[in-house]
Amino acid sequence: MTELVFQVEESPDGRLVARAVDKAIAVEADSVEELPAEIRDAIDRHFAAAGARPDTVHLYFFHEGALMSTCTLALWPS
């Protein structure tokens, strides 16, 4: 696997919720600054047995159903 895509939305209580598009991975964070660490930890847990985590992680930020922003995370040093 080379990349993983997360859809990020704000929950009613103001937290950020990120859900992987093609995998059963979901995380919550209180801020954008906390989100990468939460995603990295969830990916590590999800792929621990397989040992094949993605090289690239893309985040798609939505607000009220509209795409507002995108970014690519560098979660692991190369």
Protein backbone atom coordinates (compact mmCIF):
# COMPACT_ATOMS: atom_id res chain seq x y z
CA MET A 1 0.00 0.00 0.00
CA THR A 2 1.39 3.37 -0.88
CA GLU A 3 -1.26 5.88 0.21
CA LEU A 4 -4.24 6.29 2.48
CA VAL A 5 -6.93 8.98 2.31
CA PHE A 6 -8.80 10.39 5.31
CA GLN A 7 -11.95 12.50 5.23
CA VAL A 8 -11.90 15.04 8.08
CA GLU A 9 -14.99 16.78 9.44
CA GLU A 10 -15.90 18.68 12.58
CA SER A 11 -18.23 16.84 14.95
CA PRO A 12 -21.15 18.60 16.67
CA ASP A 13 -19.04 18.92 19.84
CA GLY A 14 -16.27 20.72 17.93
CA ARG A 15 -13.76 17.88 17.72
CA LEU A 16 -12.19 16.80 14.44
CA VAL A 17 -13.14 13.35 13.19
CA ALA A 18 -10.95 11.69 10.56
CA ARG A 19 -12.11 8.53 8.78
CA ALA A 20 -10.05 6.51 6.33
CA VAL A 21 -11.82 6.14 2.99
CA ASP A 22 -10.94 2.48 2.26
CA LYS A 23 -9.99 1.14 5.70
CA ALA A 24 -11.75 0.75 9.04
CA ILE A 25 -9.74 3.51 10.72
CA ALA A 26 -11.26 6.50 12.49
CA VAL A 27 -9.79 8.95 14.99
CA GLU A 28 -10.82 12.08 16.87
CA ALA A 29 -8.67 15.03 17.90
CA ASP A 30 -9.29 18.31 19.71
CA SER A 31 -7.23 20.32 17.21
CA VAL A 32 -5.55 20.22 13.81
CA GLU A 33 -2.19 20.12 15.62
CA GLU A 34 -3.15 16.88 17.42
CA LEU A 35 -4.61 15.19 14.36
CA PRO A 36 -1.38 13.86 12.73
CA ALA A 37 -0.27 12.07 15.92
CA GLU A 38 -3.72 10.49 16.35
CA ILE A 39 -3.72 9.34 12.72
CA ARG A 40 -0.16 7.97 12.96
CA ASP A 41 -1.03 5.96 16.10
CA ALA A 42 -4.20 4.56 14.52
CA ILE A 43 -2.37 3.57 11.34
CA ASP A 44 0.39 1.88 13.35
CA ARG A 45 -2.22 -0.14 15.29
CA HIS A 46 -4.20 -1.03 12.17
CA PHE A 47 -1.23 -2.19 10.15
CA ALA A 48 0.81 -3.73 13.00
CA ALA A 49 0.21 -7.32 11.93
CA ALA A 50 0.63 -6.70 8.21
CA GLY A 51 3.69 -4.49 8.62
CA ALA A 52 2.80 -2.56 5.47
CA ARG A 53 1.67 0.90 6.48
CA PRO A 54 1.07 3.52 3.78
CA ASP A 55 3.88 5.72 2.50
CA THR A 56 1.62 8.76 2.09
CA VAL A 57 -1.42 9.99 4.00
CA HIS A 58 -3.77 12.55 2.45
CA LEU A 59 -6.30 14.54 4.46
CA TYR A 60 -9.41 16.02 2.87
CA PHE A 61 -11.10 18.58 5.11
CA PHE A 62 -14.87 19.01 4.66
CA HIS A 63 -17.25 21.56 6.14
CA GLU A 64 -20.98 21.10 5.69
CA GLY A 65 -20.35 18.64 2.88
CA ALA A 66 -18.02 20.88 0.89
CA LEU A 67 -14.31 20.20 0.39
CA MET A 68 -12.47 23.06 2.06
CA SER A 69 -8.81 22.02 2.07
CA THR A 70 -6.40 19.16 1.48
CA CYS A 71 -2.96 18.29 2.79
CA THR A 72 -0.46 15.47 2.68
CA LEU A 73 1.17 14.22 5.87
CA ALA A 74 4.75 13.06 6.28
CA LEU A 75 4.22 10.78 9.26
CA TRP A 76 7.34 8.63 9.03
CA PRO A 77 10.87 9.77 8.27
CA SER A 78 12.23 8.43 5.02
